[in-house]
């Protein structure tokens, strides 16, 4: 993954890389949805597609980002030779803490506000 300095130093290249990462995330979700009905029933409570729109400062946004990374690191990674309990499946955890685009802002009606 690119570090923040690399993104600022080469924004065009960084954007291309990050768009490729986003496309891969989409591809993984799309594959999951295509196979959803074939998952064993025991996984019904093991997956989620959730999002929350929050209003955070930069400092506040750093906290959940850091905590989510620490949470993910507590679990086994998917490297060859890594031991996992019987029944463990490969899962992907996508973490995105992104300021929303201004075009995503809800339209307010002055009549109802």
N, C-alpha and C. Protein backbone atom coordinates (compact mmCIF):
# COMPACT_ATOMS: atom_id res chain seq x y z
N UNK A 1 0.84 -1.18 0.00
CA UNK A 1 0.00 0.00 0.00
C UNK A 1 0.89 1.24 0.00
N UNK A 2 0.40 2.26 -0.62
CA UNK A 2 1.13 3.52 -0.65
C UNK A 2 1.04 4.22 0.69
N UNK A 3 2.12 4.91 1.03
CA UNK A 3 2.02 5.75 2.22
C UNK A 3 1.55 7.13 1.79
N UNK A 4 1.12 7.92 2.74
CA UNK A 4 0.54 9.22 2.42
C UNK A 4 1.51 10.14 1.68
N UNK A 5 2.80 10.10 2.01
CA UNK A 5 3.79 10.94 1.33
C UNK A 5 3.88 10.56 -0.15
N UNK A 6 3.86 9.26 -0.45
CA UNK A 6 3.93 8.82 -1.85
C UNK A 6 2.72 9.29 -2.65
N UNK A 7 1.57 9.33 -1.99
CA UNK A 7 0.36 9.79 -2.67
C UNK A 7 0.49 11.26 -3.04
N UNK A 8 1.02 12.05 -2.12
CA UNK A 8 1.18 13.49 -2.38
C UNK A 8 2.28 13.74 -3.41
N UNK A 9 3.33 12.90 -3.43
CA UNK A 9 4.44 13.10 -4.35
C UNK A 9 4.10 12.71 -5.79
N UNK A 10 3.23 11.71 -5.95
CA UNK A 10 2.88 11.23 -7.29
C UNK A 10 1.37 11.02 -7.36
N UNK A 11 0.59 12.09 -7.34
CA UNK A 11 -0.85 11.95 -7.22
C UNK A 11 -1.51 11.20 -8.39
N UNK A 12 -1.03 11.39 -9.59
CA UNK A 12 -1.65 10.72 -10.73
C UNK A 12 -1.43 9.22 -10.65
N UNK A 13 -0.19 8.82 -10.37
CA UNK A 13 0.12 7.40 -10.24
C UNK A 13 -0.62 6.79 -9.04
N UNK A 14 -0.66 7.54 -7.95
CA UNK A 14 -1.33 7.06 -6.75
C UNK A 14 -2.82 6.87 -7.01
N UNK A 15 -3.43 7.81 -7.71
CA UNK A 15 -4.85 7.67 -8.01
C UNK A 15 -5.10 6.42 -8.84
N UNK A 16 -4.25 6.17 -9.83
CA UNK A 16 -4.40 4.97 -10.65
C UNK A 16 -4.30 3.70 -9.81
N UNK A 17 -3.32 3.67 -8.92
CA UNK A 17 -3.16 2.51 -8.04
C UNK A 17 -4.37 2.35 -7.14
N UNK A 18 -4.81 3.44 -6.52
CA UNK A 18 -5.94 3.36 -5.59
C UNK A 18 -7.24 2.99 -6.31
N UNK A 19 -7.39 3.43 -7.54
CA UNK A 19 -8.57 3.01 -8.31
C UNK A 19 -8.51 1.52 -8.63
N UNK A 20 -7.32 0.99 -8.87
CA UNK A 20 -7.17 -0.45 -9.09
C UNK A 20 -7.52 -1.23 -7.82
N UNK A 21 -7.11 -0.71 -6.66
CA UNK A 21 -7.45 -1.34 -5.39
C UNK A 21 -8.97 -1.32 -5.20
N UNK A 22 -9.60 -0.17 -5.45
CA UNK A 22 -11.06 -0.06 -5.31
C UNK A 22 -11.77 -1.02 -6.26
N UNK A 23 -11.26 -1.17 -7.47
CA UNK A 23 -11.86 -2.11 -8.43
C UNK A 23 -11.74 -3.54 -7.92
N UNK A 24 -10.60 -3.88 -7.30
CA UNK A 24 -10.43 -5.21 -6.72
C UNK A 24 -11.42 -5.43 -5.59
N UNK A 25 -11.61 -4.42 -4.75
CA UNK A 25 -12.61 -4.53 -3.67
C UNK A 25 -13.99 -4.79 -4.26
N UNK A 26 -14.34 -4.04 -5.30
CA UNK A 26 -15.63 -4.25 -5.95
C UNK A 26 -15.74 -5.67 -6.49
N UNK A 27 -14.66 -6.15 -7.12
CA UNK A 27 -14.66 -7.50 -7.70
C UNK A 27 -14.90 -8.55 -6.60
N UNK A 28 -14.25 -8.38 -5.45
CA UNK A 28 -14.44 -9.33 -4.36
C UNK A 28 -15.88 -9.32 -3.84
N UNK A 29 -16.46 -8.14 -3.69
CA UNK A 29 -17.85 -8.04 -3.24
C UNK A 29 -18.78 -8.64 -4.28
N UNK A 30 -18.53 -8.36 -5.54
CA UNK A 30 -19.36 -8.89 -6.62
C UNK A 30 -19.31 -10.42 -6.63
N UNK A 31 -18.12 -10.99 -6.46
CA UNK A 31 -17.99 -12.46 -6.39
C UNK A 31 -18.75 -13.01 -5.20
N UNK A 32 -18.64 -12.33 -4.05
CA UNK A 32 -19.37 -12.76 -2.86
C UNK A 32 -20.87 -12.79 -3.13
N UNK A 33 -21.39 -11.73 -3.72
CA UNK A 33 -22.83 -11.67 -3.98
C UNK A 33 -23.27 -12.76 -4.95
N UNK A 34 -22.41 -13.06 -5.92
CA UNK A 34 -22.74 -14.12 -6.87
C UNK A 34 -22.81 -15.49 -6.20
N UNK A 35 -22.03 -15.67 -5.12
CA UNK A 35 -21.97 -16.96 -4.44
C UNK A 35 -22.73 -16.99 -3.12
N UNK A 36 -23.40 -15.90 -2.78
CA UNK A 36 -24.04 -15.77 -1.47
C UNK A 36 -24.96 -16.94 -1.14
N UNK A 37 -25.78 -17.35 -2.07
CA UNK A 37 -26.76 -18.39 -1.78
C UNK A 37 -26.12 -19.78 -1.67
N UNK A 38 -24.84 -19.90 -2.02
CA UNK A 38 -24.17 -21.19 -1.88
C UNK A 38 -23.39 -21.29 -0.57
N UNK A 39 -23.33 -20.19 0.21
CA UNK A 39 -22.63 -20.23 1.49
C UNK A 39 -23.34 -21.17 2.45
N UNK A 40 -22.57 -21.90 3.26
CA UNK A 40 -23.22 -22.70 4.29
C UNK A 40 -24.03 -21.79 5.22
N UNK A 41 -25.16 -22.27 5.69
CA UNK A 41 -26.05 -21.47 6.53
C UNK A 41 -25.35 -20.93 7.78
N UNK A 42 -24.36 -21.66 8.27
CA UNK A 42 -23.63 -21.21 9.47
C UNK A 42 -22.96 -19.86 9.27
N UNK A 43 -22.74 -19.45 8.01
CA UNK A 43 -22.12 -18.15 7.74
C UNK A 43 -23.13 -17.01 7.69
N UNK A 44 -24.42 -17.30 7.86
CA UNK A 44 -25.44 -16.24 7.77
C UNK A 44 -25.17 -15.10 8.75
N UNK A 45 -24.63 -15.40 9.91
CA UNK A 45 -24.34 -14.35 10.89
C UNK A 45 -22.87 -13.95 10.89
N UNK A 46 -22.08 -14.51 9.99
CA UNK A 46 -20.64 -14.23 9.98
C UNK A 46 -20.20 -13.17 8.99
N UNK A 47 -21.13 -12.66 8.20
CA UNK A 47 -20.74 -11.66 7.21
C UNK A 47 -21.62 -10.42 7.38
N UNK A 48 -21.14 -9.32 6.85
CA UNK A 48 -21.92 -8.08 6.84
C UNK A 48 -21.47 -7.19 5.71
N UNK A 49 -22.39 -6.40 5.23
CA UNK A 49 -22.10 -5.28 4.34
C UNK A 49 -22.76 -4.09 5.01
N UNK A 50 -21.99 -3.37 5.76
CA UNK A 50 -22.53 -2.28 6.58
C UNK A 50 -21.80 -0.99 6.28
N UNK A 51 -22.49 0.09 6.46
CA UNK A 51 -21.83 1.38 6.42
C UNK A 51 -22.55 2.34 7.35
N UNK A 52 -21.80 3.27 7.85
CA UNK A 52 -22.31 4.29 8.74
C UNK A 52 -21.78 5.62 8.25
N UNK A 53 -22.64 6.59 8.13
CA UNK A 53 -22.20 7.92 7.80
C UNK A 53 -22.03 8.68 9.11
N UNK A 54 -20.80 9.08 9.38
CA UNK A 54 -20.46 9.75 10.63
C UNK A 54 -20.02 11.17 10.33
N UNK A 55 -20.03 12.00 11.33
CA UNK A 55 -19.50 13.36 11.21
C UNK A 55 -18.33 13.44 12.17
N UNK A 56 -17.09 13.40 11.61
CA UNK A 56 -15.88 13.31 12.41
C UNK A 56 -14.87 14.37 12.02
N UNK A 57 -14.03 14.73 12.97
CA UNK A 57 -12.86 15.54 12.67
C UNK A 57 -11.77 14.59 12.17
N UNK A 58 -10.69 15.13 11.64
CA UNK A 58 -9.57 14.29 11.21
C UNK A 58 -9.07 13.46 12.39
N UNK A 59 -8.93 14.10 13.54
CA UNK A 59 -8.43 13.39 14.73
C UNK A 59 -9.38 12.26 15.13
N UNK A 60 -10.68 12.53 15.09
CA UNK A 60 -11.65 11.49 15.43
C UNK A 60 -11.61 10.35 14.41
N UNK A 61 -11.40 10.63 13.16
CA UNK A 61 -11.35 9.61 12.12
C UNK A 61 -10.15 8.69 12.29
N UNK A 62 -9.06 9.22 12.82
CA UNK A 62 -7.86 8.40 13.03
C UNK A 62 -8.11 7.29 14.04
N UNK A 63 -8.95 7.55 15.04
CA UNK A 63 -9.17 6.57 16.10
C UNK A 63 -9.83 5.27 15.61
N UNK A 64 -10.99 5.31 14.94
CA UNK A 64 -11.55 4.04 14.46
C UNK A 64 -10.68 3.37 13.40
N UNK A 65 -10.00 4.18 12.57
CA UNK A 65 -9.11 3.59 11.57
C UNK A 65 -8.03 2.77 12.25
N UNK A 66 -7.40 3.35 13.27
CA UNK A 66 -6.34 2.66 14.01
C UNK A 66 -6.90 1.43 14.73
N UNK A 67 -8.05 1.57 15.36
CA UNK A 67 -8.64 0.45 16.10
C UNK A 67 -9.04 -0.69 15.17
N UNK A 68 -9.55 -0.38 13.99
CA UNK A 68 -9.91 -1.43 13.04
C UNK A 68 -8.68 -2.17 12.53
N UNK A 69 -7.60 -1.45 12.30
CA UNK A 69 -6.36 -2.09 11.88
C UNK A 69 -5.85 -3.01 12.98
N UNK A 70 -5.87 -2.52 14.23
CA UNK A 70 -5.43 -3.35 15.37
C UNK A 70 -6.32 -4.58 15.52
N UNK A 71 -7.61 -4.41 15.34
CA UNK A 71 -8.54 -5.54 15.43
C UNK A 71 -8.20 -6.60 14.38
N UNK A 72 -8.00 -6.17 13.15
CA UNK A 72 -7.68 -7.12 12.08
C UNK A 72 -6.37 -7.85 12.35
N UNK A 73 -5.40 -7.15 12.93
CA UNK A 73 -4.09 -7.75 13.19
C UNK A 73 -4.14 -8.80 14.31
N UNK A 74 -5.20 -8.80 15.12
CA UNK A 74 -5.33 -9.80 16.18
C UNK A 74 -5.68 -11.18 15.62
N UNK A 75 -6.19 -11.22 14.41
CA UNK A 75 -6.59 -12.49 13.80
C UNK A 75 -5.48 -13.00 12.90
N UNK A 76 -5.61 -14.26 12.51
CA UNK A 76 -4.61 -14.89 11.65
C UNK A 76 -4.62 -14.26 10.28
N UNK A 77 -3.45 -14.08 9.72
CA UNK A 77 -3.42 -13.64 8.34
C UNK A 77 -3.52 -14.86 7.44
N UNK A 78 -3.54 -14.63 6.17
CA UNK A 78 -3.80 -15.70 5.20
C UNK A 78 -2.53 -16.15 4.49
N UNK A 79 -1.42 -16.15 5.20
CA UNK A 79 -0.17 -16.58 4.60
C UNK A 79 -0.09 -18.11 4.59
N UNK A 80 0.52 -18.68 3.55
CA UNK A 80 0.69 -20.14 3.53
C UNK A 80 1.40 -20.62 4.79
N UNK A 81 0.93 -21.72 5.34
CA UNK A 81 1.53 -22.30 6.53
C UNK A 81 0.97 -21.75 7.83
N UNK A 82 0.08 -20.75 7.75
CA UNK A 82 -0.53 -20.20 8.95
C UNK A 82 -1.59 -21.17 9.46
N UNK A 83 -1.49 -21.53 10.73
CA UNK A 83 -2.46 -22.44 11.33
C UNK A 83 -3.79 -21.72 11.56
N UNK A 84 -4.87 -22.43 11.32
CA UNK A 84 -6.20 -21.89 11.58
C UNK A 84 -7.07 -23.03 12.11
N UNK A 85 -8.05 -22.71 12.94
CA UNK A 85 -8.91 -23.75 13.47
C UNK A 85 -9.73 -24.42 12.37
N UNK A 86 -10.16 -25.64 12.62
CA UNK A 86 -11.01 -26.35 11.67
C UNK A 86 -12.25 -25.52 11.40
N UNK A 87 -12.65 -25.44 10.16
CA UNK A 87 -13.83 -24.68 9.78
C UNK A 87 -13.53 -23.23 9.45
N UNK A 88 -12.29 -22.79 9.65
CA UNK A 88 -11.95 -21.40 9.34
C UNK A 88 -11.96 -21.22 7.82
N UNK A 89 -12.55 -20.14 7.38
CA UNK A 89 -12.61 -19.80 5.96
C UNK A 89 -11.81 -18.53 5.73
N UNK A 90 -11.36 -18.35 4.52
CA UNK A 90 -10.71 -17.09 4.15
C UNK A 90 -11.80 -16.03 4.09
N UNK A 91 -11.59 -14.92 4.73
CA UNK A 91 -12.51 -13.79 4.66
C UNK A 91 -11.70 -12.55 4.31
N UNK A 92 -12.37 -11.57 3.78
CA UNK A 92 -11.73 -10.29 3.50
C UNK A 92 -12.41 -9.24 4.35
N UNK A 93 -11.61 -8.39 4.94
CA UNK A 93 -12.10 -7.27 5.74
C UNK A 93 -11.68 -6.00 5.03
N UNK A 94 -12.62 -5.29 4.45
CA UNK A 94 -12.33 -4.02 3.79
C UNK A 94 -12.55 -2.92 4.82
N UNK A 95 -11.62 -2.02 4.93
CA UNK A 95 -11.75 -0.87 5.82
C UNK A 95 -11.58 0.38 4.99
N UNK A 96 -12.58 1.22 5.03
CA UNK A 96 -12.52 2.49 4.32
C UNK A 96 -13.00 3.58 5.27
N UNK A 97 -12.14 4.48 5.58
CA UNK A 97 -12.52 5.68 6.33
C UNK A 97 -12.26 6.82 5.36
N UNK A 98 -13.30 7.29 4.71
CA UNK A 98 -13.17 8.25 3.62
C UNK A 98 -14.07 9.45 3.85
N UNK A 99 -13.54 10.65 3.77
CA UNK A 99 -14.44 11.79 3.77
C UNK A 99 -15.39 11.66 2.58
N UNK A 100 -16.66 11.90 2.81
CA UNK A 100 -17.64 11.77 1.73
C UNK A 100 -17.46 12.88 0.72
N UNK A 101 -17.70 12.54 -0.52
CA UNK A 101 -17.66 13.53 -1.59
C UNK A 101 -18.78 14.54 -1.36
N UNK A 102 -18.53 15.76 -1.70
CA UNK A 102 -19.59 16.78 -1.57
C UNK A 102 -20.80 16.41 -2.42
N UNK A 103 -20.58 15.68 -3.51
CA UNK A 103 -21.71 15.27 -4.35
C UNK A 103 -22.57 14.22 -3.67
N UNK A 104 -22.06 13.60 -2.59
CA UNK A 104 -22.83 12.61 -1.84
C UNK A 104 -23.63 13.23 -0.70
N UNK A 105 -23.49 14.53 -0.51
CA UNK A 105 -24.22 15.19 0.58
C UNK A 105 -25.72 15.11 0.30
N UNK A 106 -26.51 14.86 1.34
CA UNK A 106 -27.96 14.81 1.13
C UNK A 106 -28.48 16.19 0.74
N UNK A 107 -29.43 16.18 -0.13
CA UNK A 107 -30.07 17.41 -0.54
C UNK A 107 -31.10 17.77 0.52
N UNK A 108 -31.02 19.00 1.01
CA UNK A 108 -31.97 19.43 2.04
C UNK A 108 -33.04 20.30 1.38
N UNK A 109 -34.22 20.16 1.92
CA UNK A 109 -35.36 20.94 1.46
C UNK A 109 -35.60 22.06 2.46
N UNK A 110 -35.41 23.32 2.07
CA UNK A 110 -35.57 24.41 3.03
C UNK A 110 -36.99 24.47 3.59
N UNK A 111 -37.94 23.90 2.90
CA UNK A 111 -39.33 23.89 3.37
C UNK A 111 -39.48 22.98 4.59
N UNK A 112 -38.65 21.93 4.69
CA UNK A 112 -38.81 20.96 5.78
C UNK A 112 -37.74 21.09 6.85
N UNK A 113 -36.72 21.91 6.61
CA UNK A 113 -35.64 22.07 7.59
C UNK A 113 -36.00 23.05 8.67
